[in-house]
Amino acid sequence: MNNVSFLGKIMIQGSIEIKTGLRIGGMTTGVKIGGVDQPVITDPNNKPYIPGSSLKGKLRSLLEKKEQVKIANGQHSCTSIDEYKNCPICRIWGIMGDKIKDNDAFTLTRVIIRDTYLDESSITEEMRRNMDLEWTEVKMETAIDRFTGTAKGGSLRQIERIPAGAIFKPMEILFNIFEENDKDLLMKIFEAMELLEHDYLGGMGSRGYGQIKFKDIDIFWNSKRSYTQGAINQNKISNGFTTPVEILKNFETIKENIKNES
């Protein structure tokens, strides 16, 4: 493993469309007049965003289930270098530093997922007329008593969420190519994205929150030479396929465009 070299980076760009209200929780610093019980996470300008950690964690979790890897303490992690070599989860997302005991082992994280910010223009005037706050809506939720079928006393709460129709962009996912077979490993990212479209992001998914759609995807191949020549994101290899489903169906064609250049 110690002879692994850097061949280049894949840049995946696109948009995330909110199909049903999205709630990724922020910190509650205290109760204030007119405030909501459970706010969403916001940037320093008080606008909601999708943290890269939230997207990365959900994609990993869904792929772990698909690959049926062993889960301990809420997450899979290989414990030997031989396991790591054959594990798409750990090769993509990396492992905890103390998990592999082989001092000569060289393990790498291949994926980087950026925070994705709200496209303000996606919030239309019609949407604003039905919103409670500047960028979000507030939904009343309550717990139901399973025996009486009525609301439990004291369970009513205000949930802040990002409304359906909002778009976040640019989404950016970077995928490092260290070895030739990493090109096949890239397909797992799009498998995880497709799984997420049929699951949910954020909280309260069983109540219908958090359905999203990946749109307008572009894939760029930045070889090692691209970084020495200042030619970043000039080699688009997605061939006009803009959704996870289309990309997976045509992945072999796309993969042929990932050419090594010294």
C-alpha atoms as a PDB file:
ATOM      1  CA  MET A   1       0.000   0.000   0.000  1.00  0.00           C
ATOM      2  CA  ASN A   2       2.896   2.373   0.618  1.00  0.00           C
ATOM      3  CA  ASN A   3       3.591   2.789  -3.119  1.00  0.00           C
ATOM      4  CA  VAL A   4       0.211   4.433  -3.830  1.00  0.00           C
ATOM      5  CA  SER A   5       0.582   7.624  -5.869  1.00  0.00           C
ATOM      6  CA  PHE A   6      -1.733  10.479  -6.806  1.00  0.00           C
ATOM      7  CA  LEU A   7      -3.247  10.152 -10.299  1.00  0.00           C
ATOM      8  CA  GLY A   8      -5.873  12.896 -10.149  1.00  0.00           C
ATOM      9  CA  LYS A   9      -9.219  14.034  -8.772  1.00  0.00           C
ATOM     10  CA  ILE A  10     -12.785  13.625  -9.946  1.00  0.00           C
ATOM     11  CA  MET A  11     -14.948  16.703  -9.333  1.00  0.00           C
ATOM     12  CA  ILE A  12     -18.689  16.023  -9.132  1.00  0.00           C
ATOM     13  CA  GLN A  13     -20.815  19.172  -9.238  1.00  0.00           C
ATOM     14  CA  GLY A  14     -24.566  19.585  -9.263  1.00  0.00           C
ATOM     15  CA  SER A  15     -27.672  20.767  -7.452  1.00  0.00           C
ATOM     16  CA  ILE A  16     -29.764  19.329  -4.642  1.00  0.00           C
ATOM     17  CA  GLU A  17     -33.501  19.925  -4.983  1.00  0.00           C
ATOM     18  CA  ILE A  18     -35.649  19.629  -1.872  1.00  0.00           C
ATOM     19  CA  LYS A  19     -38.727  17.531  -2.682  1.00  0.00           C
ATOM     20  CA  THR A  20     -40.242  17.453   0.823  1.00  0.00           C
ATOM     21  CA  GLY A  21     -39.444  19.731   3.755  1.00  0.00           C
ATOM     22  CA  LEU A  22     -35.842  19.256   4.909  1.00  0.00           C
ATOM     23  CA  ARG A  23     -34.769  19.443   8.527  1.00  0.00           C
ATOM     24  CA  ILE A  24     -31.087  19.318   9.488  1.00  0.00           C
ATOM     25  CA  GLY A  25     -31.047  20.509  13.075  1.00  0.00           C
ATOM     26  CA  GLY A  26     -29.006  23.365  14.449  1.00  0.00           C
ATOM     27  CA  MET A  27     -28.083  24.232  18.019  1.00  0.00           C
ATOM     28  CA  THR A  28     -30.783  25.540  20.314  1.00  0.00           C
ATOM     29  CA  THR A  29     -29.172  28.258  22.417  1.00  0.00           C
ATOM     30  CA  GLY A  30     -32.280  29.068  24.408  1.00  0.00           C
ATOM     31  CA  VAL A  31     -35.949  29.872  24.125  1.00  0.00           C
ATOM     32  CA  LYS A  32     -36.752  33.264  22.659  1.00  0.00           C
ATOM     33  CA  ILE A  33     -40.065  34.976  22.000  1.00  0.00           C
ATOM     34  CA  GLY A  34     -41.344  33.992  18.566  1.00  0.00           C
ATOM     35  CA  GLY A  35     -38.660  31.335  18.200  1.00  0.00           C
ATOM     36  CA  VAL A  36     -39.156  27.729  17.135  1.00  0.00           C
ATOM     37  CA  ASP A  37     -38.563  24.706  19.327  1.00  0.00           C
ATOM     38  CA  GLN A  38     -36.259  22.949  16.865  1.00  0.00           C
ATOM     39  CA  PRO A  39     -34.393  25.261  14.427  1.00  0.00           C
ATOM     40  CA  VAL A  40     -32.443  24.209  11.334  1.00  0.00           C
ATOM     41  CA  ILE A  41     -28.708  24.671  11.005  1.00  0.00           C
ATOM     42  CA  THR A  42     -27.709  27.989   9.406  1.00  0.00           C
ATOM     43  CA  ASP A  43     -24.565  29.673   8.107  1.00  0.00           C
ATOM     44  CA  PRO A  44     -23.148  32.919   9.602  1.00  0.00           C
ATOM     45  CA  ASN A  45     -25.637  34.871   7.442  1.00  0.00           C
ATOM     46  CA  ASN A  46     -28.535  32.982   9.061  1.00  0.00           C
ATOM     47  CA  LYS A  47     -29.363  31.068   5.875  1.00  0.00           C
ATOM     48  CA  PRO A  48     -29.915  27.306   5.923  1.00  0.00           C
ATOM     49  CA  TYR A  49     -27.301  25.069   4.320  1.00  0.00           C
ATOM     50  CA  ILE A  50     -26.558  21.364   3.923  1.00  0.00           C
ATOM     51  CA  PRO A  51     -23.400  20.448   5.870  1.00  0.00           C
ATOM     52  CA  GLY A  52     -20.977  18.235   3.998  1.00  0.00           C
ATOM     53  CA  SER A  53     -20.795  16.059   7.109  1.00  0.00           C
ATOM     54  CA  SER A  54     -24.555  15.380   6.975  1.00  0.00           C
ATOM     55  CA  LEU A  55     -24.486  14.410   3.298  1.00  0.00           C
ATOM     56  CA  LYS A  56     -21.315  12.364   3.693  1.00  0.00           C
ATOM     57  CA  GLY A  57     -22.609  10.508   6.741  1.00  0.00           C
ATOM     58  CA  LYS A  58     -25.914   9.612   5.101  1.00  0.00           C
ATOM     59  CA  LEU A  59     -24.278   8.427   1.865  1.00  0.00           C
ATOM     60  CA  ARG A  60     -21.870   6.268   3.856  1.00  0.00           C
ATOM     61  CA  SER A  61     -24.613   4.812   6.046  1.00  0.00           C
ATOM     62  CA  LEU A  62     -26.756   3.816   3.064  1.00  0.00           C
ATOM     63  CA  LEU A  63     -23.821   2.234   1.239  1.00  0.00           C
ATOM     64  CA  GLU A  64     -22.813   0.319   4.375  1.00  0.00           C
ATOM     65  CA  LYS A  65     -26.274  -1.233   4.439  1.00  0.00           C
ATOM     66  CA  LYS A  66     -26.158  -2.055   0.724  1.00  0.00           C
ATOM     67  CA  GLU A  67     -22.714  -3.660   1.014  1.00  0.00           C
ATOM     68  CA  GLN A  68     -23.831  -5.535   4.173  1.00  0.00           C
ATOM     69  CA  VAL A  69     -20.632  -4.792   6.069  1.00  0.00           C
ATOM     70  CA  LYS A  70     -20.252  -5.444   9.787  1.00  0.00           C
ATOM     71  CA  ILE A  71     -21.355  -2.482  11.919  1.00  0.00           C
ATOM     72  CA  ALA A  72     -19.906  -1.816  15.380  1.00  0.00           C
ATOM     73  CA  ASN A  73     -20.690   1.251  17.492  1.00  0.00           C
ATOM     74  CA  GLY A  74     -22.832   2.675  14.711  1.00  0.00           C
ATOM     75  CA  GLN A  75     -20.242   2.496  11.918  1.00  0.00           C
ATOM     76  CA  HIS A  76     -18.157   0.001   9.966  1.00  0.00           C
ATOM     77  CA  SER A  77     -14.369   0.115  10.163  1.00  0.00           C
ATOM     78  CA  CYS A  78     -11.812  -2.428   8.976  1.00  0.00           C
ATOM     79  CA  THR A  79      -9.294  -3.694  11.523  1.00  0.00           C
ATOM     80  CA  SER A  80      -6.624  -5.099   9.199  1.00  0.00           C
ATOM     81  CA  ILE A  81      -4.920  -3.963   6.036  1.00  0.00           C
ATOM     82  CA  ASP A  82      -6.183  -7.041   4.166  1.00  0.00           C
ATOM     83  CA  GLU A  83      -9.769  -6.139   5.068  1.00  0.00           C
ATOM     84  CA  TYR A  84      -9.179  -2.553   3.980  1.00  0.00           C
ATOM     85  CA  LYS A  85      -7.870  -3.546   0.547  1.00  0.00           C
ATOM     86  CA  ASN A  86     -11.158  -5.281  -0.287  1.00  0.00           C
ATOM     87  CA  CYS A  87     -13.578  -2.921   1.455  1.00  0.00           C
ATOM     88  CA  PRO A  88     -15.257  -0.215  -0.666  1.00  0.00           C
ATOM     89  CA  ILE A  89     -16.560   1.549   2.453  1.00  0.00           C
ATOM     90  CA  CYS A  90     -13.199   2.102   4.142  1.00  0.00           C
ATOM     91  CA  ARG A  91     -11.364   2.754   0.885  1.00  0.00           C
ATOM     92  CA  ILE A  92     -13.824   5.530   0.018  1.00  0.00           C
ATOM     93  CA  TRP A  93     -14.522   7.082   3.421  1.00  0.00           C
ATOM     94  CA  GLY A  94     -11.413   6.107   5.347  1.00  0.00           C
ATOM     95  CA  ILE A  95     -11.068   4.588   8.801  1.00  0.00           C
ATOM     96  CA  MET A  96     -10.458   5.742  12.351  1.00  0.00           C
ATOM     97  CA  GLY A  97      -6.745   6.196  12.932  1.00  0.00           C
ATOM     98  CA  ASP A  98      -6.411   3.572  15.663  1.00  0.00           C
ATOM     99  CA  LYS A  99      -8.385   0.782  13.984  1.00  0.00           C
ATOM    100  CA  ILE A 100      -5.647  -0.799  11.855  1.00  0.00           C
ATOM    101  CA  LYS A 101      -2.779  -2.063  13.984  1.00  0.00           C
ATOM    102  CA  ASP A 102      -0.305  -2.640  11.138  1.00  0.00           C
ATOM    103  CA  ASN A 103       2.187   0.213  11.539  1.00  0.00           C
ATOM    104  CA  ASP A 104       3.198  -0.091   7.886  1.00  0.00           C
ATOM    105  CA  ALA A 105      -0.362   0.237   6.617  1.00  0.00           C
ATOM    106  CA  PHE A 106      -1.092   3.229   4.407  1.00  0.00           C
ATOM    107  CA  THR A 107      -4.828   3.888   4.314  1.00  0.00           C
ATOM    108  CA  LEU A 108      -6.399   6.715   2.367  1.00  0.00           C
ATOM    109  CA  THR A 109      -9.660   8.646   2.348  1.00  0.00           C
ATOM    110  CA  ARG A 110     -10.837   9.185  -1.201  1.00  0.00           C
ATOM    111  CA  VAL A 111     -13.951  11.335  -0.872  1.00  0.00           C
ATOM    112  CA  ILE A 112     -14.392  14.964   0.201  1.00  0.00           C
ATOM    113  CA  ILE A 113     -17.888  16.478   0.386  1.00  0.00           C
ATOM    114  CA  ARG A 114     -18.303  20.256   0.684  1.00  0.00           C
ATOM    115  CA  ASP A 115     -21.046  22.198   2.438  1.00  0.00           C
ATOM    116  CA  THR A 116     -23.814  23.134  -0.026  1.00  0.00           C
ATOM    117  CA  TYR A 117     -25.526  26.520   0.219  1.00  0.00           C
ATOM    118  CA  LEU A 118     -29.021  27.731  -0.570  1.00  0.00           C
ATOM    119  CA  ASP A 119     -29.687  29.173  -4.013  1.00  0.00           C
ATOM    120  CA  GLU A 120     -31.722  32.181  -2.879  1.00  0.00           C
ATOM    121  CA  SER A 121     -33.332  32.570  -6.299  1.00  0.00           C
ATOM    122  CA  SER A 122     -35.009  29.165  -5.861  1.00  0.00           C
ATOM    123  CA  ILE A 123     -37.274  30.640  -3.159  1.00  0.00           C
ATOM    124  CA  THR A 124     -40.123  32.042  -5.243  1.00  0.00           C
ATOM    125  CA  GLU A 125     -42.631  34.691  -4.207  1.00  0.00           C
ATOM    126  CA  GLU A 126     -45.350  32.049  -4.115  1.00  0.00           C
ATOM    127  CA  MET A 127     -43.229  29.975  -1.736  1.00  0.00           C
ATOM    128  CA  ARG A 128     -42.592  33.010   0.457  1.00  0.00           C
ATOM    129  CA  ARG A 129     -46.316  33.610   0.888  1.00  0.00           C
ATOM    130  CA  ASN A 130     -46.559  30.201   2.546  1.00  0.00           C
ATOM    131  CA  MET A 131     -43.385  30.483   4.646  1.00  0.00           C
ATOM    132  CA  ASP A 132     -43.195  31.513   8.277  1.00  0.00           C
ATOM    133  CA  LEU A 133     -39.605  32.794   8.397  1.00  0.00           C
ATOM    134  CA  GLU A 134     -37.299  34.420   5.847  1.00  0.00           C
ATOM    135  CA  TRP A 135     -35.901  31.181   4.395  1.00  0.00           C
ATOM    136  CA  THR A 136     -37.888  28.445   6.116  1.00  0.00           C
ATOM    137  CA  GLU A 137     -41.318  27.206   7.115  1.00  0.00           C
ATOM    138  CA  VAL A 138     -42.549  26.062  10.525  1.00  0.00           C
ATOM    139  CA  LYS A 139     -44.549  22.850  10.853  1.00  0.00           C
ATOM    140  CA  MET A 140     -46.446  21.889  13.978  1.00  0.00           C
ATOM    141  CA  GLU A 141     -45.770  18.306  15.049  1.00  0.00           C
ATOM    142  CA  THR A 142     -47.165  16.232  17.885  1.00  0.00           C
ATOM    143  CA  ALA A 143     -46.885  12.710  19.248  1.00  0.00           C
ATOM    144  CA  ILE A 144     -49.961  10.489  18.951  1.00  0.00           C
ATOM    145  CA  ASP A 145     -51.110   8.201  21.754  1.00  0.00           C
ATOM    146  CA  ARG A 146     -51.311   4.753  20.122  1.00  0.00           C
ATOM    147  CA  PHE A 147     -54.221   3.664  22.341  1.00  0.00           C
ATOM    148  CA  THR A 148     -56.489   6.714  22.131  1.00  0.00           C
ATOM    149  CA  GLY A 149     -55.448   7.978  18.692  1.00  0.00           C
ATOM    150  CA  THR A 150     -55.221  11.514  20.084  1.00  0.00           C
ATOM    151  CA  ALA A 151     -52.336  13.901  20.654  1.00  0.00           C
ATOM    152  CA  LYS A 152     -50.297  13.335  23.792  1.00  0.00           C
ATOM    153  CA  GLY A 153     -50.417  16.208  26.228  1.00  0.00           C
ATOM    154  CA  GLY A 154     -47.440  18.554  26.023  1.00  0.00           C
ATOM    155  CA  SER A 155     -46.097  16.959  22.848  1.00  0.00           C
ATOM    156  CA  LEU A 156     -46.929  19.804  20.460  1.00  0.00           C
ATOM    157  CA  ARG A 157     -43.781  21.420  19.072  1.00  0.00           C
ATOM    158  CA  GLN A 158     -42.707  23.763  16.288  1.00  0.00           C
ATOM    159  CA  ILE A 159     -40.345  22.239  13.729  1.00  0.00           C
ATOM    160  CA  GLU A 160     -38.419  24.530  11.398  1.00  0.00           C
ATOM    161  CA  ARG A 161     -37.668  23.074   7.976  1.00  0.00           C
ATOM    162  CA  ILE A 162     -36.542  24.121   4.504  1.00  0.00           C
ATOM    163  CA  PRO A 163     -39.526  24.136   2.123  1.00  0.00           C
ATOM    164  CA  ALA A 164     -40.049  21.835  -0.833  1.00  0.00           C
ATOM    165  CA  GLY A 165     -38.795  23.470  -4.022  1.00  0.00           C
ATOM    166  CA  ALA A 166     -35.670  25.006  -2.497  1.00  0.00           C
ATOM    167  CA  ILE A 167     -32.436  24.267  -4.362  1.00  0.00           C
ATOM    168  CA  PHE A 168     -28.936  24.071  -2.911  1.00  0.00           C
ATOM    169  CA  LYS A 169     -25.910  24.544  -5.156  1.00  0.00           C
ATOM    170  CA  PRO A 170     -23.214  24.099  -6.117  1.00  0.00           C
ATOM    171  CA  MET A 171     -22.947  20.653  -4.592  1.00  0.00           C
ATOM    172  CA  GLU A 172     -19.309  19.549  -4.762  1.00  0.00           C
ATOM    173  CA  ILE A 173     -17.943  16.067  -4.192  1.00  0.00           C
ATOM    174  CA  LEU A 174     -14.231  15.409  -4.768  1.00  0.00           C
ATOM    175  CA  PHE A 175     -12.996  11.880  -5.331  1.00  0.00           C
ATOM    176  CA  ASN A 176      -9.258  11.152  -5.250  1.00  0.00           C
ATOM    177  CA  ILE A 177      -7.855   8.628  -7.718  1.00  0.00           C
ATOM    178  CA  PHE A 178      -4.757   6.957  -6.269  1.00  0.00           C
ATOM    179  CA  GLU A 179      -4.860   3.623  -8.088  1.00  0.00           C
ATOM    180  CA  GLU A 180      -6.245   2.347 -11.369  1.00  0.00           C
ATOM    181  CA  ASN A 181      -9.044   0.387  -9.684  1.00  0.00           C
ATOM    182  CA  ASP A 182     -10.237   3.536  -7.887  1.00  0.00           C
ATOM    183  CA  LYS A 183     -12.017   4.355 -11.145  1.00  0.00           C
ATOM    184  CA  ASP A 184     -14.379   1.433 -10.502  1.00  0.00           C
ATOM    185  CA  LEU A 185     -14.756   2.522  -6.880  1.00  0.00           C
ATOM    186  CA  LEU A 186     -16.127   5.878  -8.066  1.00  0.00           C
ATOM    187  CA  MET A 187     -19.334   4.130  -9.136  1.00  0.00           C
ATOM    188  CA  LYS A 188     -20.159   3.511  -5.457  1.00  0.00           C
ATOM    189  CA  ILE A 189     -20.623   7.260  -4.926  1.00  0.00           C
ATOM    190  CA  PHE A 190     -23.395   7.364  -7.513  1.00  0.00           C
ATOM    191  CA  GLU A 191     -24.938   4.193  -6.082  1.00  0.00           C
ATOM    192  CA  ALA A 192     -25.098   5.933  -2.691  1.00  0.00           C
ATOM    193  CA  MET A 193     -26.621   9.043  -4.279  1.00  0.00           C
ATOM    194  CA  GLU A 194     -29.309   6.930  -5.942  1.00  0.00           C
ATOM    195  CA  LEU A 195     -30.021   5.192  -2.627  1.00  0.00           C
ATOM    196  CA  LEU A 196     -30.395   8.577  -0.918  1.00  0.00           C
ATOM    197  CA  GLU A 197     -32.974   9.718  -3.464  1.00  0.00           C
ATOM    198  CA  HIS A 198     -35.078   6.756  -2.280  1.00  0.00           C
ATOM    199  CA  ASP A 199     -34.432   7.474   1.390  1.00  0.00           C
ATOM    200  CA  TYR A 200     -34.200  10.799   3.253  1.00  0.00           C
ATOM    201  CA  LEU A 201     -31.658  13.388   4.368  1.00  0.00           C
ATOM    202  CA  GLY A 202     -31.774  14.986   7.806  1.00  0.00           C
ATOM    203  CA  GLY A 203     -34.289  14.158  10.490  1.00  0.00           C
ATOM    204  CA  MET A 204     -37.890  12.953  10.731  1.00  0.00           C
ATOM    205  CA  GLY A 205     -37.771  10.986   7.495  1.00  0.00           C
ATOM    206  CA  SER A 206     -40.456   8.562   8.650  1.00  0.00           C
ATOM    207  CA  ARG A 207     -42.816  11.559   8.806  1.00  0.00           C
ATOM    208  CA  GLY A 208     -42.120  12.434   5.187  1.00  0.00           C
ATOM    209  CA  TYR A 209     -39.298  14.932   5.664  1.00  0.00           C
ATOM    210  CA  GLY A 210     -36.045  15.012   3.735  1.00  0.00           C
ATOM    211  CA  GLN A 211     -36.731  13.662   0.234  1.00  0.00           C
ATOM    212  CA  ILE A 212     -34.166  15.146  -2.145  1.00  0.00           C
ATOM    213  CA  LYS A 213     -33.121  14.865  -5.787  1.00  0.00           C
ATOM    214  CA  PHE A 214     -29.667  15.303  -7.319  1.00  0.00           C
ATOM    215  CA  LYS A 215     -29.847  17.359 -10.522  1.00  0.00           C
ATOM    216  CA  ASP A 216     -27.683  18.939 -13.205  1.00  0.00           C
ATOM    217  CA  ILE A 217     -24.666  16.776 -12.398  1.00  0.00           C
ATOM    218  CA  ASP A 218     -21.373  17.470 -14.145  1.00  0.00           C
ATOM    219  CA  ILE A 219     -18.318  15.251 -13.724  1.00  0.00           C
ATOM    220  CA  PHE A 220     -14.823  16.608 -14.378  1.00  0.00           C
ATOM    221  CA  TRP A 221     -11.571  14.656 -14.521  1.00  0.00           C
ATOM    222  CA  ASN A 222      -8.574  16.594 -13.227  1.00  0.00           C
ATOM    223  CA  SER A 223      -5.430  14.574 -13.858  1.00  0.00           C
ATOM    224  CA  LYS A 224      -2.151  15.239 -12.089  1.00  0.00           C
ATOM    225  CA  ARG A 225      -1.091  17.209 -15.159  1.00  0.00           C
ATOM    226  CA  SER A 226      -4.175  19.448 -14.841  1.00  0.00           C
ATOM    227  CA  TYR A 227      -2.851  20.742 -11.521  1.00  0.00           C
ATOM    228  CA  THR A 228       0.568  21.586 -12.945  1.00  0.00           C
ATOM    229  CA  GLN A 229      -0.907  23.350 -15.987  1.00  0.00           C
ATOM    230  CA  GLY A 230      -3.660  25.300 -14.212  1.00  0.00           C
ATOM    231  CA  ALA A 231      -6.307  23.491 -16.269  1.00  0.00           C
ATOM    232  CA  ILE A 232      -8.778  22.567 -13.537  1.00  0.00           C
ATOM    233  CA  ASN A 233     -12.343  21.450 -14.372  1.00  0.00           C
ATOM    234  CA  GLN A 234     -11.796  21.780 -18.127  1.00  0.00           C
ATOM    235  CA  ASN A 235     -12.185  18.087 -18.952  1.00  0.00           C
ATOM    236  CA  LYS A 236     -15.888  17.252 -18.543  1.00  0.00           C
ATOM    237  CA  ILE A 237     -16.452  13.505 -18.760  1.00  0.00           C
ATOM    238  CA  SER A 238     -20.149  13.087 -17.873  1.00  0.00           C
ATOM    239  CA  ASN A 239     -21.239  12.940 -21.542  1.00  0.00           C
ATOM    240  CA  GLY A 240     -24.479  14.808 -20.827  1.00  0.00           C
ATOM    241  CA  PHE A 241     -25.709  12.356 -18.181  1.00  0.00           C
ATOM    242  CA  THR A 242     -26.966  14.511 -15.308  1.00  0.00           C
ATOM    243  CA  THR A 243     -28.628  12.217 -12.739  1.00  0.00           C
ATOM    244  CA  PRO A 244     -27.314   9.307 -10.638  1.00  0.00           C
ATOM    245  CA  VAL A 245     -29.528   6.843 -12.552  1.00  0.00           C
ATOM    246  CA  GLU A 246     -28.248   7.991 -15.954  1.00  0.00           C
ATOM    247  CA  ILE A 247     -24.643   7.984 -14.759  1.00  0.00           C
ATOM    248  CA  LEU A 248     -24.888   4.458 -13.353  1.00  0.00           C
ATOM    249  CA  LYS A 249     -26.445   3.161 -16.575  1.00  0.00           C
ATOM    250  CA  ASN A 250     -23.611   4.691 -18.607  1.00  0.00           C
ATOM    251  CA  PHE A 251     -20.761   4.405 -16.115  1.00  0.00           C
ATOM    252  CA  GLU A 252     -18.450   2.318 -18.300  1.00  0.00           C
ATOM    253  CA  THR A 253     -18.617   4.976 -21.025  1.00  0.00           C
ATOM    254  CA  ILE A 254     -17.847   7.705 -18.493  1.00  0.00           C
ATOM    255  CA  LYS A 255     -15.004   5.704 -16.940  1.00  0.00           C
ATOM    256  CA  GLU A 256     -13.251   5.457 -20.310  1.00  0.00           C
ATOM    257  CA  ASN A 257     -12.758   9.237 -20.173  1.00  0.00           C
ATOM    258  CA  ILE A 258     -10.643   8.992 -16.999  1.00  0.00           C
ATOM    259  CA  LYS A 259      -7.218   8.823 -18.592  1.00  0.00           C
ATOM    260  CA  ASN A 260      -3.968   8.841 -16.622  1.00  0.00           C
ATOM    261  CA  GLU A 261      -1.547  11.644 -17.528  1.00  0.00           C
ATOM    262  CA  SER A 262       1.791  12.079 -15.823  1.00  0.00           C
END
